Amino acid sequence: MINLFSQKIMAHQIKITDKDLSEALEKIPPLSPVVANVLKLIRDPLSSSSKIAQEIAKDPVLSFEVMKLVNSPLYGFSRKIETLEHAVALLGLKSLESIIISAQAKNSFDIELKYFRLKRGELSLQAFIGAYTSKLVSQDKWPGVEDVAFTAGVLRVIGKIAMDYFISKNFPEVEAEMKKGESFDKIEKKLFGLTSSDLSSIILEKWKIPEEIREIVSKFNKLHLIKDKSSRLYRLAVSVHIGDRVAMMTGIGASIDSMLYQIDEEIFKNAGIKPEDIEKYLEETLKIYPLLVKELSYILPP
């Protein structure tokens, strides 16, 4: 896949070789063996809750991350969940899959992105704030798929880790394009032939993340490519689109591209979203922010 992809993008201003693409993708660790096994068990209808919990427990870091996320305001349980067995039994498989994938991503996000100007921990905040809002939009407008919206919301930024590598090698060209005021995904596409979202999709394919989530992550910045505006895909992509933009509006974990993205106005025409909805989602997200920072504070710099 990498060979075909790189051949397609060589015609752009900056030539991206197979080696460049491979080196950029190496910045993101593969799924841990335990995470891969847990996801297999979750997708196996014959697996029991106790067997899944036992597999998670093999990785102390994963266990810690899962329990931290389960008890965070992102999931909103009224009482504290004390054990993995309780968490697995209470969550259901879809929510558990979302948390496992999010926990893996969270570890990948624990990195400084120098050229996006994100300190260690800020990418994680940006990911989870956007995911919270994506879930909020989905619950409000299209209930029943909020776990998918949340997972895609978390994973939407993972391509920035690889894109930071490309920017590091070509920062003067990127900076010159930024001064023209174009949206950042257009700058990425113009210079490199691919965007952070495209890189996210490639990474998620390597992780064997379900195709639906990969497609949402690939298209939430390109809503016009989804022809059926009443489809589940479009609604989920709109949820993540709004989550992403609201996260930027908060100014939390703001990166160099934050001011170069706008809300796609087609959502007001095609998705039944109103400007006052955006204001409502921003207000709700700002309420959760202090609690979220508290829950994620162990990965933030002092």
Protein backbone atom coordinates (compact mmCIF):
# COMPACT_ATOMS: atom_id res chain seq x y z
CA MET A 1 0.00 0.00 0.00
CA ILE A 2 2.82 2.41 0.85
CA ASN A 3 4.39 2.01 -2.60
CA LEU A 4 1.14 2.79 -4.40
CA PHE A 5 0.41 5.70 -2.09
CA SER A 6 3.82 7.29 -2.44
CA GLN A 7 3.76 6.97 -6.24
CA LYS A 8 0.51 8.90 -6.24
CA ILE A 9 1.91 11.81 -4.20
CA MET A 10 5.30 12.27 -5.87
CA ALA A 11 3.97 14.88 -8.28
CA HIS A 12 3.39 17.45 -5.53
CA GLN A 13 5.72 20.28 -4.59
CA ILE A 14 7.72 18.20 -2.09
CA LYS A 15 8.58 14.66 -3.13
CA ILE A 16 7.60 12.11 -0.49
CA THR A 17 9.53 8.87 -0.95
CA ASP A 18 8.68 5.41 0.36
CA LYS A 19 11.48 5.89 2.89
CA ASP A 20 10.01 9.22 4.07
CA LEU A 21 6.59 7.68 4.53
CA SER A 22 7.96 4.64 6.35
CA GLU A 23 10.05 6.80 8.69
CA ALA A 24 7.06 9.02 9.46
CA LEU A 25 4.83 6.04 10.22
CA GLU A 26 7.50 4.56 12.51
CA LYS A 27 6.82 7.46 14.90
CA ILE A 28 3.62 5.66 15.92
CA PRO A 29 4.07 2.40 17.83
CA PRO A 30 2.14 -0.65 16.64
CA LEU A 31 -0.70 -2.10 18.69
CA SER A 32 0.66 -3.88 21.74
CA PRO A 33 0.18 -7.68 21.64
CA VAL A 34 -2.20 -7.48 24.61
CA VAL A 35 -4.34 -4.79 22.93
CA ALA A 36 -4.44 -6.83 19.71
CA ASN A 37 -5.53 -9.93 21.67
CA VAL A 38 -8.16 -8.00 23.64
CA LEU A 39 -9.66 -6.60 20.43
CA LYS A 40 -9.80 -10.12 18.96
CA LEU A 41 -11.60 -11.37 22.07
CA ILE A 42 -14.05 -8.46 22.01
CA ARG A 43 -14.93 -9.28 18.40
CA ASP A 44 -15.34 -13.00 19.19
CA PRO A 45 -18.97 -13.69 20.20
CA LEU A 46 -17.84 -16.71 22.26
CA SER A 47 -15.56 -14.68 24.54
CA SER A 48 -16.61 -14.18 28.16
CA SER A 49 -16.28 -10.98 30.17
CA SER A 50 -13.91 -12.68 32.61
CA LYS A 51 -11.63 -13.87 29.80
CA ILE A 52 -11.46 -10.35 28.34
CA ALA A 53 -10.72 -8.86 31.78
CA GLN A 54 -7.96 -11.44 32.35
CA GLU A 55 -6.33 -10.52 29.04
CA ILE A 56 -6.44 -6.78 29.83
CA ALA A 57 -4.89 -7.50 33.25
CA LYS A 58 -1.78 -8.94 31.56
CA ASP A 59 -0.73 -5.37 30.75
CA PRO A 60 -0.60 -3.18 33.91
CA VAL A 61 -0.31 0.04 31.89
CA LEU A 62 -3.33 -0.85 29.76
CA SER A 63 -5.28 -1.83 32.88
CA PHE A 64 -4.46 1.51 34.47
CA GLU A 65 -5.44 3.43 31.33
CA VAL A 66 -8.73 1.54 30.99
CA MET A 67 -9.72 2.15 34.61
CA LYS A 68 -8.68 5.81 34.36
CA LEU A 69 -10.82 6.33 31.25
CA VAL A 70 -13.80 4.37 32.61
CA ASN A 71 -13.87 6.56 35.72
CA SER A 72 -13.27 9.82 33.84
CA PRO A 73 -16.01 12.35 33.02
CA LEU A 74 -15.76 11.15 29.43
CA TYR A 75 -18.02 8.23 30.37
CA GLY A 76 -20.02 9.81 33.16
CA PHE A 77 -20.77 6.82 35.41
CA SER A 78 -22.45 7.92 38.63
CA ARG A 79 -20.28 5.72 40.86
CA LYS A 80 -16.67 4.63 40.73
CA ILE A 81 -15.86 1.41 38.86
CA GLU A 82 -13.42 -0.51 41.06
CA THR A 83 -12.36 -3.57 39.03
CA LEU A 84 -11.65 -4.58 35.45
CA GLU A 85 -14.26 -7.32 35.68
CA HIS A 86 -16.88 -4.77 36.72
CA ALA A 87 -15.80 -2.40 33.94
CA VAL A 88 -16.00 -5.11 31.26
CA ALA A 89 -19.40 -6.32 32.47
CA LEU A 90 -20.83 -2.81 32.80
CA LEU A 91 -19.55 -1.25 29.59
CA GLY A 92 -20.70 -3.65 26.93
CA LEU A 93 -18.47 -4.71 24.05
CA LYS A 94 -18.83 -1.61 21.85
CA SER A 95 -17.93 0.78 24.66
CA LEU A 96 -15.13 -1.51 25.81
CA GLU A 97 -13.66 -1.64 22.30
CA SER A 98 -13.78 2.16 22.21
CA ILE A 99 -11.95 2.42 25.54
CA ILE A 100 -9.27 -0.13 24.60
CA ILE A 101 -8.51 1.64 21.32
CA SER A 102 -8.54 5.02 23.08
CA ALA A 103 -6.15 3.75 25.77
CA GLN A 104 -3.70 2.56 23.11
CA ALA A 105 -3.96 5.88 21.28
CA LYS A 106 -3.47 7.82 24.51
CA ASN A 107 -0.08 6.20 25.02
CA SER A 108 0.88 7.10 21.44
CA PHE A 109 -0.14 10.71 22.09
CA ASP A 110 2.26 11.08 25.02
CA ILE A 111 4.75 12.93 22.85
CA GLU A 112 5.86 16.46 21.99
CA LEU A 113 5.11 17.59 18.44
CA LYS A 114 7.65 20.34 17.98
CA TYR A 115 6.48 21.66 14.62
CA PHE A 116 2.78 21.57 15.50
CA ARG A 117 3.87 23.41 18.68
CA LEU A 118 2.22 20.88 20.95
CA LYS A 119 3.87 20.14 24.28
CA ARG A 120 3.87 16.65 25.70
CA GLY A 121 0.32 15.84 26.80
CA GLU A 122 -1.40 18.50 24.69
CA LEU A 123 -2.13 16.18 21.76
CA SER A 124 -3.89 13.85 24.19
CA LEU A 125 -6.00 16.72 25.54
CA GLN A 126 -6.87 17.82 22.00
CA ALA A 127 -7.83 14.25 21.10
CA PHE A 128 -10.06 13.59 24.10
CA ILE A 129 -11.72 17.00 24.20
CA GLY A 130 -12.66 16.58 20.53
CA ALA A 131 -13.82 13.02 21.22
CA TYR A 132 -16.01 14.17 24.11
CA THR A 133 -17.68 16.76 21.87
CA SER A 134 -18.04 14.26 19.01
CA LYS A 135 -19.88 11.96 21.39
CA LEU A 136 -21.99 14.88 22.66
CA VAL A 137 -23.08 15.78 19.11
CA SER A 138 -23.91 12.18 18.28
CA GLN A 139 -25.95 11.71 21.47
CA ASP A 140 -27.82 14.93 20.77
CA LYS A 141 -28.57 14.45 17.06
CA TRP A 142 -28.15 10.77 16.19
CA PRO A 143 -28.19 8.64 19.37
CA GLY A 144 -27.01 5.05 19.27
CA VAL A 145 -23.62 5.48 17.61
CA GLU A 146 -21.86 7.67 20.18
CA ASP A 147 -19.19 5.06 20.96
CA VAL A 148 -18.13 5.08 17.31
CA ALA A 149 -18.14 8.90 17.29
CA PHE A 150 -15.99 8.95 20.43
CA THR A 151 -13.44 6.46 19.09
CA ALA A 152 -13.13 8.26 15.75
CA GLY A 153 -12.89 11.54 17.66
CA VAL A 154 -9.91 10.28 19.63
CA LEU A 155 -8.15 8.80 16.61
CA ARG A 156 -8.70 11.77 14.29
CA VAL A 157 -5.42 13.44 15.38
CA ILE A 158 -3.04 10.47 15.32
CA GLY A 159 -1.80 11.38 11.84
CA LYS A 160 -0.35 14.61 13.24
CA ILE A 161 2.45 12.57 14.78
CA ALA A 162 3.58 11.43 11.33
CA MET A 163 2.83 14.79 9.68
CA ASP A 164 5.06 16.55 12.22
CA TYR A 165 7.93 14.55 10.75
CA PHE A 166 7.22 15.88 7.24
CA ILE A 167 6.80 19.44 8.52
CA SER A 168 10.12 19.20 10.40
CA LYS A 169 11.91 18.59 7.10
CA ASN A 170 10.06 21.33 5.19
CA PHE A 171 9.09 23.97 7.75
CA PRO A 172 9.99 27.09 5.68
CA GLU A 173 7.70 25.94 2.86
CA VAL A 174 4.87 25.18 5.32
CA GLU A 175 5.29 28.53 7.04
CA ALA A 176 5.19 30.37 3.70
CA GLU A 177 1.92 28.64 2.78
CA MET A 178 0.41 29.37 6.20
CA LYS A 179 0.88 33.10 5.62
CA LYS A 180 -1.53 32.83 2.69
CA GLY A 181 -4.32 31.87 5.11
CA GLU A 182 -5.37 28.60 3.48
CA SER A 183 -6.82 25.81 5.62
CA PHE A 184 -4.09 23.57 6.97
CA ASP A 185 -5.33 20.39 5.28
CA LYS A 186 -5.10 22.19 1.92
CA ILE A 187 -1.54 23.22 2.74
CA GLU A 188 -0.65 19.62 3.63
CA LYS A 189 -2.25 18.33 0.44
CA LYS A 190 -0.59 20.99 -1.71
CA LEU A 191 2.91 20.42 -0.33
CA PHE A 192 2.95 16.72 0.48
CA GLY A 193 0.09 15.24 -1.52
CA LEU A 194 -1.59 13.90 1.62
CA THR A 195 -3.08 15.28 4.83
CA SER A 196 -2.87 14.43 8.52
CA SER A 197 -6.25 12.72 8.13
CA ASP A 198 -4.88 10.58 5.29
CA LEU A 199 -1.97 9.57 7.51
CA SER A 200 -4.38 8.77 10.34
CA SER A 201 -6.26 6.42 8.03
CA ILE A 202 -3.04 4.64 7.01
CA ILE A 203 -2.00 4.22 10.66
CA LEU A 204 -5.42 2.88 11.63
CA GLU A 205 -5.31 0.35 8.81
CA LYS A 206 -1.99 -0.90 10.22
CA TRP A 207 -3.71 -1.16 13.61
CA LYS A 208 -6.58 -3.13 12.00
CA ILE A 209 -9.12 -0.60 13.25
CA PRO A 210 -12.61 -1.19 11.76
CA GLU A 211 -13.10 0.29 8.29
CA GLU A 212 -16.00 2.50 9.39
CA ILE A 213 -13.80 4.36 11.89
CA ARG A 214 -11.00 4.69 9.33
CA GLU A 215 -13.44 6.18 6.84
CA ILE A 216 -14.80 8.69 9.37
CA VAL A 217 -11.26 9.77 10.28
CA SER A 218 -10.36 10.07 6.61
CA LYS A 219 -13.42 12.16 5.69
CA PHE A 220 -14.34 14.36 8.67
CA ASN A 221 -12.35 17.19 7.05
CA LYS A 222 -13.72 16.34 3.58
CA LEU A 223 -17.46 16.09 4.13
CA HIS A 224 -18.17 16.91 0.48
CA LEU A 225 -16.76 13.50 -0.49
CA ILE A 226 -19.63 11.73 1.29
CA LYS A 227 -22.44 11.79 -1.27
CA ASP A 228 -25.25 10.37 0.88
CA LYS A 229 -25.95 13.14 3.38
CA SER A 230 -28.45 10.98 5.27
CA SER A 231 -26.02 8.11 5.79
CA ARG A 232 -24.62 6.90 9.10
CA LEU A 233 -21.13 7.69 7.79
CA TYR A 234 -22.04 11.31 7.06
CA ARG A 235 -23.64 11.81 10.48
CA LEU A 236 -20.65 10.34 12.27
CA ALA A 237 -18.21 12.38 10.17
CA VAL A 238 -20.21 15.54 10.99
CA SER A 239 -20.09 14.65 14.70
CA VAL A 240 -16.29 14.32 14.55
CA HIS A 241 -15.99 17.45 12.38
CA ILE A 242 -17.83 19.49 15.01
CA GLY A 243 -15.87 17.83 17.82
CA ASP A 244 -12.61 18.75 16.12
CA ARG A 245 -13.59 22.37 15.54
CA VAL A 246 -15.01 22.85 19.04
CA ALA A 247 -11.77 21.45 20.50
CA MET A 248 -9.91 24.10 18.51
CA MET A 249 -12.31 26.82 19.67
CA THR A 250 -11.52 26.04 23.30
CA GLY A 251 -7.89 26.94 22.67
CA ILE A 252 -6.89 23.89 24.72
CA GLY A 253 -3.89 22.11 23.26
CA ALA A 254 -3.93 24.63 20.42
CA SER A 255 -1.45 23.86 17.64
CA ILE A 256 -0.19 25.84 14.67
CA ASP A 257 -3.07 24.62 12.52
CA SER A 258 -5.87 25.53 14.95
CA MET A 259 -6.62 28.94 13.45
CA LEU A 260 -6.48 27.60 9.89
CA TYR A 261 -9.58 25.42 10.09
CA GLN A 262 -13.18 26.60 9.84
CA ILE A 263 -16.50 24.85 10.37
CA ASP A 264 -17.71 23.50 7.04
CA GLU A 265 -20.92 25.39 6.39
CA GLU A 266 -22.44 22.43 4.58
CA ILE A 267 -23.33 20.97 7.99
CA PHE A 268 -25.90 23.77 8.46
CA LYS A 269 -27.51 22.84 5.15
CA ASN A 270 -27.22 19.06 5.14
CA ALA A 271 -27.02 17.84 8.73
CA GLY A 272 -29.67 19.86 10.53
CA ILE A 273 -27.04 21.62 12.63
CA LYS A 274 -27.67 25.22 13.70
CA PRO A 275 -25.10 27.84 14.76
CA GLU A 276 -26.64 27.84 18.24
CA ASP A 277 -25.94 24.09 18.44
CA ILE A 278 -22.23 24.82 18.03
CA GLU A 279 -22.43 27.38 20.84
CA LYS A 280 -24.19 24.81 23.05
CA TYR A 281 -21.56 22.14 22.37
CA LEU A 282 -18.75 24.59 23.08
CA GLU A 283 -20.35 25.60 26.37
CA GLU A 284 -20.80 21.97 27.45
CA THR A 285 -17.24 21.11 26.46
CA LEU A 286 -15.79 24.02 28.43
CA LYS A 287 -17.67 22.76 31.49
CA ILE A 288 -16.00 19.36 31.28
CA TYR A 289 -12.50 20.73 30.62
CA PRO A 290 -11.31 21.17 34.25
CA LEU A 291 -12.41 17.63 35.11
CA LEU A 292 -10.76 16.25 32.00
CA VAL A 293 -7.46 17.98 32.75
CA LYS A 294 -7.58 16.53 36.26
CA GLU A 295 -8.08 13.02 34.88
CA LEU A 296 -5.33 13.38 32.27
CA SER A 297 -2.96 15.43 34.45
CA TYR A 298 -0.53 12.58 35.07
CA ILE A 299 0.65 12.81 31.45
CA LEU A 300 0.88 16.59 31.33
CA PRO A 301 4.14 18.46 31.99
CA PRO A 302 4.39 20.05 35.46
